[in-house]
Amino acid sequence: MQPGSRRNLKLILAAAAVSAIMTSCTSNLASNAWLLLTDRSNFIPAESSIFFFNPYVIDSGSGGYWHYGKDRKHYYHFTYDPAAPYLYIPIDNKCPHFDRENFRTWCSARKGKPR
């Protein structure tokens, strides 16, 4: 390998490393990956992604699974029901008295896909 090629390779690798770090820091990738790796019962809703899903109410016990989460488009509630493991509703919903931490206030919530 010629000296110029090595320098270019080092620059490319450095840029890739910086890009990976920035992606991890500016998204929920690292925390969601940890959530999925440490508990096999955890999941990301099908309508969301590992980059944008943000669990904002998490079980305080040993389970560590999420109760409520959100992304750029929806709020999510984990239901514990295998047939419909979560509910979701658009963030810009028109529910009267909507409370993002109380699924009973979610009018017209949709059922999530079974895993």
C-alpha atoms as a PDB file:
ATOM      1  CA  MET A   1       0.000   0.000   0.000  1.00  0.00           C
ATOM      2  CA  GLN A   2       1.344   3.414  -0.882  1.00  0.00           C
ATOM      3  CA  PRO A   3       1.734   6.176   1.766  1.00  0.00           C
ATOM      4  CA  GLY A   4      -1.057   8.290   0.231  1.00  0.00           C
ATOM      5  CA  SER A   5      -3.422   5.322   0.250  1.00  0.00           C
ATOM      6  CA  ARG A   6      -2.754   4.640   3.930  1.00  0.00           C
ATOM      7  CA  ARG A   7      -3.455   8.228   4.819  1.00  0.00           C
ATOM      8  CA  ASN A   8      -6.716   8.133   2.845  1.00  0.00           C
ATOM      9  CA  LEU A   9      -7.709   4.895   4.574  1.00  0.00           C
ATOM     10  CA  LYS A  10      -7.000   6.422   7.990  1.00  0.00           C
ATOM     11  CA  LEU A  11      -9.075   9.488   7.095  1.00  0.00           C
ATOM     12  CA  ILE A  12     -11.956   7.311   5.930  1.00  0.00           C
ATOM     13  CA  LEU A  13     -11.825   5.201   9.105  1.00  0.00           C
ATOM     14  CA  ALA A  14     -11.658   8.322  11.281  1.00  0.00           C
ATOM     15  CA  ALA A  15     -14.639   9.842   9.454  1.00  0.00           C
ATOM     16  CA  ALA A  16     -16.595   6.599   9.870  1.00  0.00           C
ATOM     17  CA  ALA A  17     -15.803   6.526  13.602  1.00  0.00           C
ATOM     18  CA  VAL A  18     -16.868  10.158  14.058  1.00  0.00           C
ATOM     19  CA  SER A  19     -20.042   9.488  12.075  1.00  0.00           C
ATOM     20  CA  ALA A  20     -20.880   6.465  14.246  1.00  0.00           C
ATOM     21  CA  ILE A  21     -20.290   8.448  17.433  1.00  0.00           C
ATOM     22  CA  MET A  22     -22.414  11.359  16.207  1.00  0.00           C
ATOM     23  CA  THR A  23     -25.247   9.036  15.174  1.00  0.00           C
ATOM     24  CA  SER A  24     -25.134   7.360  18.562  1.00  0.00           C
ATOM     25  CA  CYS A  25     -25.119  10.684  20.418  1.00  0.00           C
ATOM     26  CA  THR A  26     -27.830  12.394  18.374  1.00  0.00           C
ATOM     27  CA  SER A  27     -30.272   9.486  18.307  1.00  0.00           C
ATOM     28  CA  ASN A  28     -31.538   6.857  20.694  1.00  0.00           C
ATOM     29  CA  LEU A  29     -29.461   4.155  19.003  1.00  0.00           C
ATOM     30  CA  ALA A  30     -27.098   3.427  21.904  1.00  0.00           C
ATOM     31  CA  SER A  31     -29.741   3.397  24.647  1.00  0.00           C
ATOM     32  CA  ASN A  32     -32.172   1.330  22.567  1.00  0.00           C
ATOM     33  CA  ALA A  33     -29.458  -1.144  21.630  1.00  0.00           C
ATOM     34  CA  TRP A  34     -28.610  -1.523  25.320  1.00  0.00           C
ATOM     35  CA  LEU A  35     -32.307  -1.956  26.170  1.00  0.00           C
ATOM     36  CA  LEU A  36     -32.657  -4.706  23.559  1.00  0.00           C
ATOM     37  CA  LEU A  37     -29.422  -6.454  24.501  1.00  0.00           C
ATOM     38  CA  THR A  38     -30.027  -6.544  28.245  1.00  0.00           C
ATOM     39  CA  ASP A  39     -33.605  -7.817  28.164  1.00  0.00           C
ATOM     40  CA  ARG A  40     -34.849 -10.096  25.405  1.00  0.00           C
ATOM     41  CA  SER A  41     -38.493  -9.252  26.198  1.00  0.00           C
ATOM     42  CA  ASN A  42     -37.930  -5.613  25.187  1.00  0.00           C
ATOM     43  CA  PHE A  43     -38.745  -4.514  21.653  1.00  0.00           C
ATOM     44  CA  ILE A  44     -39.089  -1.454  19.457  1.00  0.00           C
ATOM     45  CA  PRO A  45     -42.611  -0.950  18.025  1.00  0.00           C
ATOM     46  CA  ALA A  46     -42.891  -1.852  14.346  1.00  0.00           C
ATOM     47  CA  GLU A  47     -44.004   1.700  13.481  1.00  0.00           C
ATOM     48  CA  SER A  48     -40.873   3.181  15.045  1.00  0.00           C
ATOM     49  CA  SER A  49     -37.125   2.566  14.749  1.00  0.00           C
ATOM     50  CA  ILE A  50     -34.117   1.923  16.946  1.00  0.00           C
ATOM     51  CA  PHE A  51     -32.888   5.422  16.015  1.00  0.00           C
ATOM     52  CA  PHE A  52     -35.958   7.417  17.080  1.00  0.00           C
ATOM     53  CA  PHE A  53     -37.886   5.403  19.682  1.00  0.00           C
ATOM     54  CA  ASN A  54     -37.602   7.117  23.066  1.00  0.00           C
ATOM     55  CA  PRO A  55     -38.998   5.231  26.078  1.00  0.00           C
ATOM     56  CA  TYR A  56     -39.956   7.934  28.586  1.00  0.00           C
ATOM     57  CA  VAL A  57     -41.597   5.776  31.280  1.00  0.00           C
ATOM     58  CA  ILE A  58     -39.563   2.672  32.123  1.00  0.00           C
ATOM     59  CA  ASP A  59     -40.334  -0.033  34.678  1.00  0.00           C
ATOM     60  CA  SER A  60     -38.503   0.681  37.917  1.00  0.00           C
ATOM     61  CA  GLY A  61     -38.223  -3.017  38.804  1.00  0.00           C
ATOM     62  CA  SER A  62     -35.769  -5.569  37.538  1.00  0.00           C
ATOM     63  CA  GLY A  63     -37.504  -5.840  34.141  1.00  0.00           C
ATOM     64  CA  GLY A  64     -36.404  -2.495  32.783  1.00  0.00           C
ATOM     65  CA  TYR A  65     -38.954  -2.604  29.980  1.00  0.00           C
ATOM     66  CA  TRP A  66     -40.775   0.476  28.767  1.00  0.00           C
ATOM     67  CA  HIS A  67     -44.357   1.421  29.682  1.00  0.00           C
ATOM     68  CA  TYR A  68     -44.606   4.539  27.498  1.00  0.00           C
ATOM     69  CA  GLY A  69     -42.486   5.751  24.622  1.00  0.00           C
ATOM     70  CA  LYS A  70     -42.545   8.099  21.676  1.00  0.00           C
ATOM     71  CA  ASP A  71     -40.836   8.868  18.413  1.00  0.00           C
ATOM     72  CA  ARG A  72     -41.232  11.663  15.902  1.00  0.00           C
ATOM     73  CA  LYS A  73     -44.773  10.589  14.913  1.00  0.00           C
ATOM     74  CA  HIS A  74     -46.413   8.544  17.682  1.00  0.00           C
ATOM     75  CA  TYR A  75     -46.821   7.884  21.378  1.00  0.00           C
ATOM     76  CA  TYR A  76     -46.711   4.210  22.433  1.00  0.00           C
ATOM     77  CA  HIS A  77     -48.005   2.249  25.410  1.00  0.00           C
ATOM     78  CA  PHE A  78     -46.839  -1.293  26.239  1.00  0.00           C
ATOM     79  CA  THR A  79     -49.966  -3.392  26.995  1.00  0.00           C
ATOM     80  CA  TYR A  80     -48.564  -6.794  28.066  1.00  0.00           C
ATOM     81  CA  ASP A  81     -51.062  -8.407  25.651  1.00  0.00           C
ATOM     82  CA  PRO A  82     -49.364 -10.854  23.220  1.00  0.00           C
ATOM     83  CA  ALA A  83     -52.086 -10.305  20.602  1.00  0.00           C
ATOM     84  CA  ALA A  84     -51.560  -6.515  20.632  1.00  0.00           C
ATOM     85  CA  PRO A  85     -48.382  -5.800  22.639  1.00  0.00           C
ATOM     86  CA  TYR A  86     -48.713  -2.031  22.407  1.00  0.00           C
ATOM     87  CA  LEU A  87     -51.055   0.809  21.530  1.00  0.00           C
ATOM     88  CA  TYR A  88     -50.019   3.843  19.553  1.00  0.00           C
ATOM     89  CA  ILE A  89     -51.499   7.215  18.708  1.00  0.00           C
ATOM     90  CA  PRO A  90     -50.280  10.164  16.637  1.00  0.00           C
ATOM     91  CA  ILE A  91     -48.508  12.896  18.560  1.00  0.00           C
ATOM     92  CA  ASP A  92     -50.724  15.498  16.901  1.00  0.00           C
ATOM     93  CA  ASN A  93     -53.948  13.771  18.033  1.00  0.00           C
ATOM     94  CA  LYS A  94     -57.082  15.736  18.964  1.00  0.00           C
ATOM     95  CA  CYS A  95     -58.049  13.743  22.075  1.00  0.00           C
ATOM     96  CA  PRO A  96     -59.730  15.887  24.726  1.00  0.00           C
ATOM     97  CA  HIS A  97     -57.787  15.829  28.003  1.00  0.00           C
ATOM     98  CA  PHE A  98     -54.981  13.808  26.379  1.00  0.00           C
ATOM     99  CA  ASP A  99     -52.282  12.635  28.789  1.00  0.00           C
ATOM    100  CA  ARG A 100     -49.318  10.931  27.169  1.00  0.00           C
ATOM    101  CA  GLU A 101     -48.775   8.880  30.354  1.00  0.00           C
ATOM    102  CA  ASN A 102     -52.362   7.599  30.620  1.00  0.00           C
ATOM    103  CA  PHE A 103     -53.470   5.400  27.728  1.00  0.00           C
ATOM    104  CA  ARG A 104     -57.089   5.647  28.942  1.00  0.00           C
ATOM    105  CA  THR A 105     -57.119   9.232  27.595  1.00  0.00           C
ATOM    106  CA  TRP A 106     -56.006   8.098  24.143  1.00  0.00           C
ATOM    107  CA  CYS A 107     -59.000   8.324  21.819  1.00  0.00           C
ATOM    108  CA  SER A 108     -58.774   6.233  18.649  1.00  0.00           C
ATOM    109  CA  ALA A 109     -55.504   4.520  19.647  1.00  0.00           C
ATOM    110  CA  ARG A 110     -54.395   1.756  17.289  1.00  0.00           C
ATOM    111  CA  LYS A 111     -53.256  -1.708  18.284  1.00  0.00           C
ATOM    112  CA  GLY A 112     -49.640  -2.582  17.571  1.00  0.00           C
ATOM    113  CA  LYS A 113     -48.495  -5.611  15.629  1.00  0.00           C
ATOM    114  CA  PRO A 114     -47.784  -8.859  17.485  1.00  0.00           C
ATOM    115  CA  ARG A 115     -44.105  -9.677  17.701  1.00  0.00           C
END
